[in-house]
N, C-alpha and C. Protein backbone atom coordinates (compact mmCIF):
# COMPACT_ATOMS: atom_id res chain seq x y z
N MET A 1 175.54 73.61 104.77
CA MET A 1 174.76 73.77 105.86
C MET A 1 173.43 73.14 105.65
N PHE A 2 172.60 72.19 105.73
CA PHE A 2 171.27 71.85 105.62
C PHE A 2 170.98 71.60 104.24
N ASN A 3 172.02 70.81 103.50
CA ASN A 3 171.95 70.75 102.20
C ASN A 3 171.39 69.01 102.16
N HIS A 4 170.73 68.79 100.76
CA HIS A 4 170.25 67.73 100.53
C HIS A 4 170.36 67.40 99.22
N GLU A 5 171.36 68.07 98.35
CA GLU A 5 171.63 67.82 97.10
C GLU A 5 172.41 66.62 96.83
N PRO A 6 171.87 65.48 96.05
CA PRO A 6 172.65 64.42 95.93
C PRO A 6 174.13 64.67 95.23
N VAL A 7 174.88 63.48 95.65
CA VAL A 7 176.07 63.62 94.81
C VAL A 7 175.99 63.24 93.29
N GLY A 8 176.74 64.09 92.76
CA GLY A 8 176.65 64.08 91.25
C GLY A 8 175.60 64.64 90.83
N TYR A 9 174.61 65.47 91.56
CA TYR A 9 173.60 66.17 91.10
C TYR A 9 173.73 67.05 89.59
N GLN A 10 173.29 67.02 88.63
CA GLN A 10 173.11 67.66 87.45
C GLN A 10 172.22 68.74 87.51
N CYS A 11 172.69 70.01 87.78
CA CYS A 11 171.63 71.25 88.01
C CYS A 11 171.16 71.61 86.72
N PRO A 12 169.83 71.61 86.93
CA PRO A 12 168.89 71.97 85.41
C PRO A 12 168.97 73.60 85.05
N PHE A 13 169.10 74.12 86.40
CA PHE A 13 169.48 75.78 86.30
C PHE A 13 170.46 76.26 85.91
N CYS A 14 171.35 75.67 86.36
CA CYS A 14 173.20 75.80 86.10
C CYS A 14 173.31 75.39 84.47
N LEU A 15 172.62 74.48 84.05
CA LEU A 15 172.78 74.23 82.61
C LEU A 15 171.98 75.46 81.82
N VAL A 16 170.97 75.83 82.26
CA VAL A 16 170.45 76.98 81.26
C VAL A 16 171.30 78.22 81.47
N LEU A 17 171.79 78.42 82.84
CA LEU A 17 172.47 79.63 83.22
C LEU A 17 174.07 79.42 82.17
N ALA A 18 174.48 78.16 81.78
CA ALA A 18 175.51 78.25 80.99
C ALA A 18 175.28 78.28 79.38
N GLY A 19 173.86 78.44 79.14
CA GLY A 19 173.72 78.28 77.77
C GLY A 19 173.12 77.39 77.25
N GLY A 20 173.03 76.22 78.11
CA GLY A 20 172.38 74.96 77.69
C GLY A 20 170.73 75.14 77.74
N GLU A 21 170.12 73.85 77.05
CA GLU A 21 169.05 73.79 77.28
C GLU A 21 168.51 72.00 77.75
N ASP A 22 167.22 71.86 78.13
CA ASP A 22 166.94 70.43 78.25
C ASP A 22 165.54 70.55 78.05
N GLY A 23 164.93 69.46 78.26
CA GLY A 23 163.40 69.25 77.68
C GLY A 23 162.52 69.94 78.60
N LEU A 24 162.87 70.53 79.63
CA LEU A 24 162.04 71.70 80.31
C LEU A 24 162.32 73.14 80.20
N THR A 25 163.31 73.39 79.89
CA THR A 25 163.77 74.87 79.65
C THR A 25 164.79 75.43 78.47
N ARG A 26 164.28 76.16 77.79
CA ARG A 26 165.14 76.48 76.64
C ARG A 26 165.35 77.90 77.09
N GLN A 27 166.73 78.27 76.25
CA GLN A 27 167.16 79.80 76.23
C GLN A 27 166.04 80.91 75.90
N GLN A 28 165.05 80.31 75.24
CA GLN A 28 164.06 81.29 75.07
C GLN A 28 162.96 81.40 75.95
N ASP A 29 163.02 80.68 76.97
CA ASP A 29 162.37 80.96 78.12
C ASP A 29 162.87 82.14 79.11
N ILE A 30 164.09 82.38 78.99
CA ILE A 30 164.55 83.38 79.69
C ILE A 30 164.14 84.98 79.44
N VAL A 31 163.61 85.28 80.47
CA VAL A 31 162.94 86.78 80.29
C VAL A 31 163.62 88.00 80.90
N ARG A 32 164.60 87.52 81.69
CA ARG A 32 165.37 88.54 82.53
C ARG A 32 166.78 88.12 82.91
N ARG A 33 167.69 88.76 82.74
CA ARG A 33 169.06 88.44 83.33
C ARG A 33 170.09 89.41 83.84
N THR A 34 170.43 89.74 84.98
CA THR A 34 171.29 90.20 85.57
C THR A 34 172.76 89.85 85.99
N GLU A 35 173.31 90.50 86.72
CA GLU A 35 174.76 89.66 86.90
C GLU A 35 174.53 88.72 87.96
N HIS A 36 173.72 88.74 88.76
CA HIS A 36 173.49 87.80 89.84
C HIS A 36 172.19 87.15 89.92
N ALA A 37 171.34 87.22 89.08
CA ALA A 37 169.94 86.49 88.76
C ALA A 37 169.48 86.50 87.41
N MET A 38 168.71 85.40 87.19
CA MET A 38 168.30 84.99 85.97
C MET A 38 166.76 84.73 86.10
N ALA A 39 165.90 85.23 85.45
CA ALA A 39 164.30 84.68 85.18
C ALA A 39 163.71 84.11 84.33
N PHE A 40 162.83 83.00 84.24
CA PHE A 40 162.63 82.26 83.21
C PHE A 40 161.09 81.71 83.33
N VAL A 41 160.32 81.55 82.24
CA VAL A 41 159.01 80.73 82.32
C VAL A 41 159.39 79.52 82.58
N ALA A 42 158.59 78.98 83.74
CA ALA A 42 159.04 77.65 84.35
C ALA A 42 157.82 76.64 83.51
N SER A 43 158.40 75.52 83.37
CA SER A 43 157.69 74.35 82.68
C SER A 43 156.54 73.61 83.29
N ARG A 44 156.70 73.94 84.66
CA ARG A 44 155.59 73.30 85.66
C ARG A 44 154.61 74.45 85.90
N TRP A 45 153.55 74.06 85.49
CA TRP A 45 152.61 74.90 85.69
C TRP A 45 151.24 74.54 86.73
N TRP A 46 150.43 75.19 87.14
CA TRP A 46 149.60 75.06 88.17
C TRP A 46 148.19 75.13 87.21
N PRO A 47 147.01 74.68 87.31
CA PRO A 47 146.16 74.89 86.45
C PRO A 47 145.44 76.31 85.95
N ASN A 48 145.32 76.78 86.99
CA ASN A 48 145.00 78.18 87.02
C ASN A 48 146.01 79.36 86.83
N ASN A 49 146.89 79.03 87.10
CA ASN A 49 148.32 80.12 87.19
C ASN A 49 149.32 79.84 86.04
N ARG A 50 149.00 79.42 85.00
CA ARG A 50 149.86 79.13 83.74
C ARG A 50 150.95 80.41 83.44
N GLY A 51 152.23 80.20 82.91
CA GLY A 51 153.11 81.02 82.78
C GLY A 51 153.91 81.63 84.00
N HIS A 52 153.97 81.04 85.23
CA HIS A 52 154.59 81.31 86.23
C HIS A 52 156.16 81.39 86.04
N VAL A 53 156.90 82.12 86.79
CA VAL A 53 158.47 82.61 86.39
C VAL A 53 159.18 81.81 87.63
N LEU A 54 160.23 81.63 87.21
CA LEU A 54 161.25 81.30 88.28
C LEU A 54 162.49 82.11 88.35
N VAL A 55 162.86 82.50 89.17
CA VAL A 55 164.27 83.53 89.51
C VAL A 55 165.22 83.08 90.30
N VAL A 56 166.05 82.40 89.77
CA VAL A 56 167.22 81.93 90.40
C VAL A 56 168.60 82.89 90.30
N PRO A 57 169.48 82.68 91.63
CA PRO A 57 170.89 83.22 91.32
C PRO A 57 171.60 82.76 90.00
N THR A 58 172.49 83.37 89.74
CA THR A 58 173.32 82.88 88.73
C THR A 58 174.67 82.09 88.85
N GLU A 59 174.82 82.00 90.25
CA GLU A 59 175.66 80.99 90.83
C GLU A 59 174.87 79.82 91.66
N HIS A 60 175.57 78.94 91.89
CA HIS A 60 174.95 77.53 92.22
C HIS A 60 175.02 77.71 93.58
N TYR A 61 173.76 77.75 94.57
CA TYR A 61 173.49 78.17 96.05
C TYR A 61 172.21 77.24 96.06
N GLU A 62 172.15 76.07 96.93
CA GLU A 62 171.31 75.23 97.09
C GLU A 62 169.78 75.69 97.64
N ASN A 63 169.99 76.64 98.55
CA ASN A 63 168.64 77.11 99.37
C ASN A 63 169.14 78.52 100.16
N LEU A 64 168.17 78.77 100.90
CA LEU A 64 168.42 80.01 101.56
C LEU A 64 169.49 80.24 102.46
N TYR A 65 169.66 79.25 102.94
CA TYR A 65 170.70 79.13 104.02
C TYR A 65 172.02 79.36 103.40
N ASP A 66 172.35 79.01 102.35
CA ASP A 66 173.53 79.03 101.52
C ASP A 66 173.78 80.40 100.95
N LEU A 67 172.63 81.03 100.54
CA LEU A 67 172.54 82.27 99.74
C LEU A 67 173.32 83.52 100.26
N PRO A 68 174.32 83.89 99.60
CA PRO A 68 174.95 85.14 100.08
C PRO A 68 174.05 86.37 99.84
N ALA A 69 174.16 87.39 100.89
CA ALA A 69 173.18 88.40 100.73
C ALA A 69 173.10 89.15 99.59
N ILE A 70 174.27 89.51 98.74
CA ILE A 70 174.21 90.11 97.35
C ILE A 70 173.67 89.28 96.43
N CYS A 71 173.37 88.12 96.24
CA CYS A 71 172.77 87.26 95.46
C CYS A 71 171.34 87.30 95.77
N GLY A 72 171.00 87.30 97.05
CA GLY A 72 169.58 87.43 97.67
C GLY A 72 168.93 88.54 97.29
N HIS A 73 169.88 89.85 97.32
CA HIS A 73 169.24 91.20 97.14
C HIS A 73 169.01 91.26 95.34
N ALA A 74 169.69 90.74 94.94
CA ALA A 74 169.71 90.63 93.25
C ALA A 74 168.47 89.72 92.88
N VAL A 75 168.22 88.56 93.57
CA VAL A 75 167.13 87.89 93.27
C VAL A 75 165.91 88.59 93.48
N HIS A 76 166.01 89.17 94.80
CA HIS A 76 164.87 89.73 95.19
C HIS A 76 164.41 90.98 94.15
N ASP A 77 165.29 91.69 93.71
CA ASP A 77 165.29 92.62 92.81
C ASP A 77 164.54 92.39 91.37
N VAL A 78 165.05 91.14 91.07
CA VAL A 78 164.65 90.71 89.87
C VAL A 78 163.01 89.85 90.16
N VAL A 79 162.71 89.27 91.35
CA VAL A 79 161.56 88.96 91.33
C VAL A 79 160.60 90.08 91.52
N ARG A 80 160.93 91.23 91.95
CA ARG A 80 160.11 92.41 91.91
C ARG A 80 159.77 92.61 90.57
N GLU A 81 160.77 93.03 89.69
CA GLU A 81 160.46 93.12 88.42
C GLU A 81 159.67 92.40 87.60
N VAL A 82 159.84 91.18 87.83
CA VAL A 82 159.23 90.07 87.22
C VAL A 82 157.68 90.11 87.67
N ALA A 83 157.32 90.46 88.67
CA ALA A 83 156.10 90.41 89.60
C ALA A 83 155.43 91.90 89.05
N ILE A 84 155.84 92.71 88.69
CA ILE A 84 155.41 93.92 87.85
C ILE A 84 155.19 93.55 86.50
N GLY A 85 156.36 92.96 85.72
CA GLY A 85 156.05 92.64 84.73
C GLY A 85 154.63 91.62 84.27
N ILE A 86 154.49 90.65 85.07
CA ILE A 86 153.25 89.74 85.04
C ILE A 86 152.17 90.51 85.37
N ARG A 87 152.06 91.31 86.50
CA ARG A 87 151.06 92.05 86.70
C ARG A 87 150.50 92.93 85.55
N SER A 88 151.70 93.65 84.74
CA SER A 88 151.44 94.47 83.83
C SER A 88 151.08 93.68 82.32
N THR A 89 151.13 92.51 82.02
CA THR A 89 151.04 91.97 80.77
C THR A 89 150.25 90.70 80.30
N TYR A 90 149.95 90.01 81.85
CA TYR A 90 149.18 88.59 82.05
C TYR A 90 147.61 89.20 82.01
N GLY A 91 147.22 90.29 82.64
CA GLY A 91 145.89 90.25 82.86
C GLY A 91 145.35 89.79 84.01
N CYS A 92 146.44 89.46 84.78
CA CYS A 92 146.00 88.90 86.14
C CYS A 92 145.65 89.64 87.23
N ASP A 93 145.00 89.40 88.53
CA ASP A 93 144.51 90.31 89.52
C ASP A 93 145.43 90.45 90.42
N GLY A 94 146.55 89.65 90.46
CA GLY A 94 148.16 89.99 91.48
C GLY A 94 148.89 88.92 91.10
N VAL A 95 149.96 88.97 91.98
CA VAL A 95 150.84 87.83 92.14
C VAL A 95 151.17 87.42 93.47
N SER A 96 151.81 86.08 93.33
CA SER A 96 152.02 85.44 94.67
C SER A 96 153.65 85.12 94.27
N THR A 97 154.22 85.35 95.57
CA THR A 97 155.71 84.60 95.30
C THR A 97 155.60 83.76 96.31
N ARG A 98 156.65 82.54 96.06
CA ARG A 98 157.04 81.60 97.15
C ARG A 98 158.31 80.89 97.21
N GLN A 99 158.92 80.18 98.01
CA GLN A 99 160.39 79.62 97.94
C GLN A 99 160.52 78.77 99.09
N HIS A 100 160.95 77.42 98.71
CA HIS A 100 161.12 76.31 99.46
C HIS A 100 162.40 75.92 99.82
N ASN A 101 162.60 75.51 100.82
CA ASN A 101 163.99 74.94 101.57
C ASN A 101 163.77 73.65 101.88
N GLU A 102 164.59 72.87 101.57
CA GLU A 102 164.71 71.32 102.16
C GLU A 102 163.62 70.76 101.64
N PRO A 103 163.46 69.15 101.76
CA PRO A 103 162.39 68.11 101.41
C PRO A 103 161.33 68.63 101.89
N ALA A 104 161.49 68.75 103.46
CA ALA A 104 160.23 69.01 104.11
C ALA A 104 159.67 70.27 104.15
N GLY A 105 160.65 71.19 103.45
CA GLY A 105 159.96 72.47 102.91
C GLY A 105 159.40 72.67 101.49
N TYR A 106 159.31 71.29 100.75
CA TYR A 106 158.94 70.79 99.73
C TYR A 106 159.75 71.57 98.23
N GLN A 107 161.03 71.60 98.89
CA GLN A 107 162.31 72.01 97.82
C GLN A 107 162.43 70.69 97.00
N ASP A 108 162.44 70.66 95.45
CA ASP A 108 162.77 69.51 94.98
C ASP A 108 163.82 69.68 93.72
N ALA A 109 164.14 70.93 93.64
CA ALA A 109 165.38 71.15 92.94
C ALA A 109 166.39 71.82 93.71
N TRP A 110 167.48 71.29 93.41
CA TRP A 110 168.57 71.86 94.45
C TRP A 110 169.38 72.95 94.06
N HIS A 111 168.87 74.22 93.66
CA HIS A 111 169.44 75.20 93.20
C HIS A 111 168.31 76.38 93.52
N TYR A 112 168.60 77.12 94.47
CA TYR A 112 167.83 78.24 95.23
C TYR A 112 167.01 78.93 94.10
N HIS A 113 165.76 79.16 94.26
CA HIS A 113 164.62 79.54 93.13
C HIS A 113 163.60 80.07 93.91
N VAL A 114 162.88 81.25 93.49
CA VAL A 114 161.67 81.76 93.77
C VAL A 114 160.83 81.83 92.36
N HIS A 115 159.70 81.20 93.08
CA HIS A 115 158.33 81.39 92.01
C HIS A 115 157.72 82.42 92.00
N VAL A 116 157.32 83.02 91.03
CA VAL A 116 156.37 84.39 90.74
C VAL A 116 155.18 83.41 90.18
N PHE A 117 153.98 83.70 90.79
CA PHE A 117 152.81 83.23 90.02
C PHE A 117 151.69 84.37 90.00
N PRO A 118 151.32 84.19 88.48
CA PRO A 118 150.05 85.14 88.31
C PRO A 118 149.15 84.57 89.15
N ARG A 119 148.35 85.61 89.75
CA ARG A 119 146.95 85.28 90.48
C ARG A 119 145.85 85.88 89.81
N TYR A 120 144.67 85.26 89.91
CA TYR A 120 143.36 85.24 89.52
C TYR A 120 142.34 85.21 90.77
N ASP A 121 141.38 86.33 90.87
CA ASP A 121 140.41 85.82 91.85
C ASP A 121 139.86 84.23 91.58
N GLY A 122 139.70 83.63 92.64
CA GLY A 122 139.32 82.27 92.76
C GLY A 122 139.87 81.38 92.10
N ASP A 123 141.48 81.30 92.07
CA ASP A 123 142.26 80.57 91.09
C ASP A 123 142.67 78.97 91.86
N GLU A 124 142.43 79.23 93.20
CA GLU A 124 142.72 78.24 94.19
C GLU A 124 144.33 77.37 94.11
N LEU A 125 145.00 78.46 93.93
CA LEU A 125 146.53 77.98 93.35
C LEU A 125 147.12 77.22 95.06
N TYR A 126 146.67 77.47 96.28
CA TYR A 126 147.33 77.03 97.39
C TYR A 126 146.28 75.41 97.51
N ASN A 127 145.38 75.30 96.75
CA ASN A 127 144.63 74.01 96.92
C ASN A 127 144.69 73.23 95.91
N THR A 128 145.80 73.56 94.85
CA THR A 128 145.92 72.43 93.86
C THR A 128 147.18 72.05 93.61
N ARG A 129 147.71 70.65 92.89
CA ARG A 129 148.81 70.71 92.66
C ARG A 129 149.19 70.97 91.23
N HIS A 130 150.60 70.93 90.89
CA HIS A 130 151.01 71.45 89.54
C HIS A 130 150.57 70.22 88.66
N LEU A 131 150.24 70.46 87.36
CA LEU A 131 149.80 69.81 86.26
C LEU A 131 150.90 68.48 86.28
N PRO A 132 150.37 67.41 85.66
CA PRO A 132 151.17 66.36 85.54
C PRO A 132 152.21 66.30 84.56
N ASP A 133 151.76 66.90 83.51
CA ASP A 133 152.72 67.12 82.45
C ASP A 133 153.36 68.75 82.47
N PRO A 134 154.43 68.80 81.81
CA PRO A 134 155.25 70.02 81.65
C PRO A 134 154.42 70.83 80.42
N ALA A 135 154.58 72.13 80.80
CA ALA A 135 154.21 73.06 79.57
C ALA A 135 155.23 72.81 78.48
N THR A 136 154.84 72.81 77.39
CA THR A 136 155.70 72.70 76.13
C THR A 136 156.33 74.19 75.86
N ALA A 137 157.52 73.80 75.05
CA ALA A 137 157.94 75.13 74.59
C ALA A 137 156.90 76.14 73.73
N GLU A 138 156.32 75.71 73.08
CA GLU A 138 155.30 76.56 72.42
C GLU A 138 153.93 77.13 73.32
N GLU A 139 153.92 76.30 74.35
CA GLU A 139 153.18 76.83 75.39
C GLU A 139 153.52 77.94 76.19
N ARG A 140 154.76 77.86 76.49
CA ARG A 140 155.62 78.80 77.22
C ARG A 140 155.90 80.10 76.61
N GLU A 141 156.07 79.95 75.41
CA GLU A 141 156.34 81.01 74.25
C GLU A 141 155.65 82.36 74.51
N PRO A 142 154.33 82.24 74.37
CA PRO A 142 153.57 83.54 74.55
C PRO A 142 153.75 84.37 75.80
N TYR A 143 154.07 83.46 76.86
CA TYR A 143 154.51 84.24 78.20
C TYR A 143 155.84 84.63 78.14
N ALA A 144 156.76 84.08 77.79
CA ALA A 144 157.85 84.73 77.74
C ALA A 144 157.95 85.97 76.86
N ARG A 145 157.35 85.79 75.59
CA ARG A 145 157.32 86.98 74.80
C ARG A 145 156.74 88.24 75.30
N ARG A 146 155.67 88.00 76.07
CA ARG A 146 155.08 89.17 76.82
C ARG A 146 155.93 89.71 77.87
N LEU A 147 156.71 89.19 78.49
CA LEU A 147 157.66 89.50 79.42
C LEU A 147 159.03 90.21 78.77
N LEU A 148 159.41 89.56 77.70
CA LEU A 148 160.70 89.98 77.20
C LEU A 148 160.13 91.44 76.52
N ASP A 149 158.92 91.61 75.58
CA ASP A 149 158.43 92.78 75.31
C ASP A 149 158.31 93.96 76.31
N TYR A 150 157.73 93.37 77.42
CA TYR A 150 157.68 94.25 78.69
C TYR A 150 159.05 94.87 79.10
N PHE A 151 159.95 94.02 79.20
CA PHE A 151 161.29 94.27 79.72
C PHE A 151 161.87 95.35 78.60
N SER A 152 161.99 94.96 77.45
CA SER A 152 162.35 96.00 76.50
C SER A 152 161.89 97.30 76.39
N ARG A 153 160.43 97.38 76.86
CA ARG A 153 159.97 98.38 76.92
C ARG A 153 160.40 99.64 78.33
N SER A 154 160.95 98.74 79.34
CA SER A 154 161.23 99.40 80.61
C SER A 154 162.55 99.90 80.75
C-alpha cells in the first residue's frame, strides 16, 4: 500500500542487516541491535549535526504504512535508547527525530527508518541540506565508539 520501491531494489539496510557492507555503511557503524530493530551511525551528515543515527526494523518494510506494530514499538524503543545515548555522549544540547514516507514526504531509501539527530543551540538543522559527500568510515568511527561504549555500560 502506497509503495514506491522500484522493481529489483537492492536495499542497503537489508544488506547491512544480513552482515554485509557497502561504501556507505559498515558493520562497525552498528551501535545497537535487538530482535526487531537496529541502529547505526549514518553516512549522510548535516553540517552541524554530525554523527546522526538511523534506526531501522530488522525486517524489510518500506514505510510507516507497512510497518507492523511490533516492529514499530521495537524501533521506537531503540530510537529512545539512541537519543539518550547521543544526549549522554555527544555533548549536544538535545536531540531531534524525524521519519519520512513516500517521495513527497522526502523518503529516498525504501526501508522504513528513523533519523536521530544530535542538536546544538543554533545548529539550523531544518534550514540546511545534508553535506554533498558521505562521511567516511574513519569520520563515523568516533561516534559509533561513543555509543557502543555507552550501551556496553547500560
